[in-house]
């Protein structure tokens, strides 16, 4: 398992949090916790790549800081 602590730019409300959560739930993650401005994700790198996680955040309309 890998853990990824991601700073996310552009988030400023709970609607933003929900939008990111919805996109991350589409991935096979072990767990994810999203707060305004950040996400903590636990995943199996054999199933999900870091770039998939970053892409999901971008799909929600926000910018992950890599």
N, C-alpha and C. Protein backbone atom coordinates (compact mmCIF):
# COMPACT_ATOMS: atom_id res chain seq x y z
N UNK A 1 0.83 -1.18 0.00
CA UNK A 1 0.00 0.00 0.00
C UNK A 1 0.88 1.25 0.00
N UNK A 2 0.37 2.25 -0.67
CA UNK A 2 1.05 3.55 -0.67
C UNK A 2 0.10 4.59 -0.13
N UNK A 3 0.66 5.59 0.51
CA UNK A 3 -0.10 6.75 0.98
C UNK A 3 0.36 7.97 0.19
N UNK A 4 -0.59 8.81 -0.14
CA UNK A 4 -0.29 10.02 -0.90
C UNK A 4 -1.02 11.18 -0.23
N UNK A 5 -0.27 12.19 0.16
CA UNK A 5 -0.83 13.40 0.78
C UNK A 5 -0.72 14.50 -0.27
N UNK A 6 -1.86 14.94 -0.80
CA UNK A 6 -1.87 15.84 -1.94
C UNK A 6 -2.45 17.19 -1.54
N UNK A 7 -1.72 18.26 -1.82
CA UNK A 7 -2.25 19.61 -1.68
C UNK A 7 -3.04 19.89 -2.95
N UNK A 8 -4.23 20.50 -2.78
CA UNK A 8 -5.10 20.77 -3.93
C UNK A 8 -5.43 22.26 -3.96
N UNK A 9 -5.10 22.89 -5.07
CA UNK A 9 -5.37 24.32 -5.24
C UNK A 9 -6.75 24.54 -5.83
N UNK A 10 -7.39 25.62 -5.41
CA UNK A 10 -8.67 26.02 -5.98
C UNK A 10 -9.89 25.59 -5.19
N UNK A 11 -9.69 24.82 -4.13
CA UNK A 11 -10.81 24.37 -3.31
C UNK A 11 -11.10 25.42 -2.24
N UNK A 12 -12.40 25.75 -2.06
CA UNK A 12 -12.71 26.73 -1.02
C UNK A 12 -14.04 26.47 -0.30
N UNK A 13 -14.66 25.32 -0.55
CA UNK A 13 -15.94 25.04 0.12
C UNK A 13 -16.20 23.53 0.16
N UNK A 14 -17.26 23.16 0.86
CA UNK A 14 -17.60 21.74 0.97
C UNK A 14 -18.09 21.15 -0.35
N UNK A 15 -18.63 21.99 -1.21
CA UNK A 15 -19.02 21.52 -2.55
C UNK A 15 -17.77 21.05 -3.30
N UNK A 16 -16.68 21.77 -3.14
CA UNK A 16 -15.41 21.39 -3.76
C UNK A 16 -14.94 20.04 -3.23
N UNK A 17 -15.06 19.86 -1.93
CA UNK A 17 -14.67 18.60 -1.29
C UNK A 17 -15.48 17.45 -1.89
N UNK A 18 -16.79 17.64 -2.02
CA UNK A 18 -17.67 16.60 -2.55
C UNK A 18 -17.31 16.27 -3.99
N UNK A 19 -17.00 17.29 -4.79
CA UNK A 19 -16.65 17.07 -6.19
C UNK A 19 -15.40 16.20 -6.31
N UNK A 20 -14.40 16.46 -5.48
CA UNK A 20 -13.18 15.65 -5.49
C UNK A 20 -13.47 14.24 -5.00
N UNK A 21 -14.27 14.11 -3.93
CA UNK A 21 -14.62 12.79 -3.41
C UNK A 21 -15.31 11.94 -4.47
N UNK A 22 -16.22 12.54 -5.21
CA UNK A 22 -16.95 11.80 -6.24
C UNK A 22 -15.99 11.24 -7.29
N UNK A 23 -15.03 12.04 -7.71
CA UNK A 23 -14.07 11.58 -8.72
C UNK A 23 -13.13 10.51 -8.16
N UNK A 24 -12.69 10.68 -6.92
CA UNK A 24 -11.79 9.68 -6.32
C UNK A 24 -12.50 8.35 -6.08
N UNK A 25 -13.81 8.40 -5.80
CA UNK A 25 -14.56 7.17 -5.58
C UNK A 25 -14.65 6.30 -6.83
N UNK A 26 -14.37 6.86 -7.98
CA UNK A 26 -14.39 6.11 -9.23
C UNK A 26 -13.15 5.22 -9.37
N UNK A 27 -12.14 5.48 -8.53
CA UNK A 27 -10.89 4.70 -8.55
C UNK A 27 -10.94 3.60 -7.49
N UNK A 28 -10.11 2.58 -7.67
CA UNK A 28 -10.03 1.49 -6.70
C UNK A 28 -9.04 1.84 -5.59
N UNK A 29 -9.47 2.75 -4.72
CA UNK A 29 -8.63 3.18 -3.61
C UNK A 29 -8.99 2.41 -2.35
N UNK A 30 -8.01 2.24 -1.48
CA UNK A 30 -8.29 1.61 -0.18
C UNK A 30 -9.03 2.60 0.71
N UNK A 31 -8.59 3.86 0.69
CA UNK A 31 -9.28 4.89 1.45
C UNK A 31 -8.89 6.25 0.90
N UNK A 32 -9.76 7.22 1.17
CA UNK A 32 -9.45 8.60 0.81
C UNK A 32 -10.16 9.52 1.80
N UNK A 33 -9.47 10.57 2.16
CA UNK A 33 -10.04 11.60 3.03
C UNK A 33 -9.77 12.93 2.35
N UNK A 34 -10.85 13.63 2.04
CA UNK A 34 -10.72 14.91 1.34
C UNK A 34 -11.17 16.02 2.27
N UNK A 35 -10.38 17.07 2.34
CA UNK A 35 -10.70 18.28 3.09
C UNK A 35 -10.44 19.45 2.16
N UNK A 36 -10.89 20.62 2.55
CA UNK A 36 -10.63 21.80 1.73
C UNK A 36 -9.12 21.99 1.60
N UNK A 37 -8.64 21.91 0.37
CA UNK A 37 -7.22 22.15 0.10
C UNK A 37 -6.31 20.94 0.16
N UNK A 38 -6.86 19.75 0.48
CA UNK A 38 -5.97 18.58 0.52
C UNK A 38 -6.75 17.27 0.45
N UNK A 39 -6.02 16.23 0.11
CA UNK A 39 -6.57 14.88 0.12
C UNK A 39 -5.48 13.93 0.59
N UNK A 40 -5.88 12.93 1.36
CA UNK A 40 -4.98 11.87 1.79
C UNK A 40 -5.57 10.57 1.23
N UNK A 41 -4.76 9.87 0.46
CA UNK A 41 -5.24 8.70 -0.25
C UNK A 41 -4.35 7.50 0.05
N UNK A 42 -4.96 6.34 0.30
CA UNK A 42 -4.23 5.08 0.44
C UNK A 42 -4.65 4.19 -0.72
N UNK A 43 -3.66 3.65 -1.43
CA UNK A 43 -3.98 2.87 -2.62
C UNK A 43 -2.93 1.79 -2.87
N UNK A 44 -3.31 0.81 -3.68
CA UNK A 44 -2.42 -0.25 -4.12
C UNK A 44 -1.86 0.18 -5.47
N UNK A 45 -0.57 0.39 -5.55
CA UNK A 45 0.04 0.89 -6.79
C UNK A 45 -0.02 -0.12 -7.93
N UNK A 46 -0.41 -1.35 -7.63
CA UNK A 46 -0.62 -2.33 -8.70
C UNK A 46 -1.98 -2.13 -9.38
N UNK A 47 -2.89 -1.45 -8.69
CA UNK A 47 -4.24 -1.22 -9.22
C UNK A 47 -4.46 0.21 -9.71
N UNK A 48 -3.84 1.16 -9.00
CA UNK A 48 -4.04 2.58 -9.31
C UNK A 48 -2.68 3.27 -9.34
N UNK A 49 -2.48 4.10 -10.33
CA UNK A 49 -1.23 4.87 -10.45
C UNK A 49 -1.45 6.28 -9.88
N UNK A 50 -0.39 6.90 -9.42
CA UNK A 50 -0.49 8.26 -8.89
C UNK A 50 -1.10 9.20 -9.92
N UNK A 51 -0.73 9.04 -11.17
CA UNK A 51 -1.25 9.90 -12.22
C UNK A 51 -2.77 9.77 -12.36
N UNK A 52 -3.32 8.57 -12.09
CA UNK A 52 -4.77 8.39 -12.12
C UNK A 52 -5.44 9.24 -11.03
N UNK A 53 -4.80 9.30 -9.88
CA UNK A 53 -5.33 10.09 -8.77
C UNK A 53 -5.29 11.57 -9.10
N UNK A 54 -4.15 12.03 -9.63
CA UNK A 54 -4.02 13.43 -10.02
C UNK A 54 -5.05 13.78 -11.11
N UNK A 55 -5.24 12.89 -12.05
CA UNK A 55 -6.20 13.11 -13.13
C UNK A 55 -7.63 13.21 -12.60
N UNK A 56 -7.96 12.40 -11.61
CA UNK A 56 -9.30 12.45 -11.01
C UNK A 56 -9.55 13.80 -10.36
N UNK A 57 -8.55 14.32 -9.68
CA UNK A 57 -8.67 15.64 -9.04
C UNK A 57 -8.84 16.72 -10.10
N UNK A 58 -8.07 16.62 -11.17
CA UNK A 58 -8.19 17.57 -12.28
C UNK A 58 -9.56 17.48 -12.94
N UNK A 59 -10.11 16.27 -13.04
CA UNK A 59 -11.43 16.06 -13.62
C UNK A 59 -12.50 16.77 -12.78
N UNK A 60 -12.27 16.85 -11.48
CA UNK A 60 -13.20 17.55 -10.59
C UNK A 60 -13.07 19.07 -10.73
N UNK A 61 -12.04 19.52 -11.44
CA UNK A 61 -11.88 20.95 -11.68
C UNK A 61 -10.85 21.65 -10.82
N UNK A 62 -9.97 20.87 -10.20
CA UNK A 62 -8.99 21.46 -9.29
C UNK A 62 -7.58 21.06 -9.68
N UNK A 63 -6.59 21.71 -9.07
CA UNK A 63 -5.20 21.48 -9.43
C UNK A 63 -4.45 20.79 -8.30
N UNK A 64 -4.04 19.54 -8.50
CA UNK A 64 -3.21 18.88 -7.47
C UNK A 64 -1.78 19.38 -7.58
N UNK A 65 -1.16 19.63 -6.44
CA UNK A 65 0.25 20.06 -6.42
C UNK A 65 1.09 18.81 -6.32
N UNK A 66 1.89 18.55 -7.36
CA UNK A 66 2.67 17.30 -7.41
C UNK A 66 4.03 17.49 -6.79
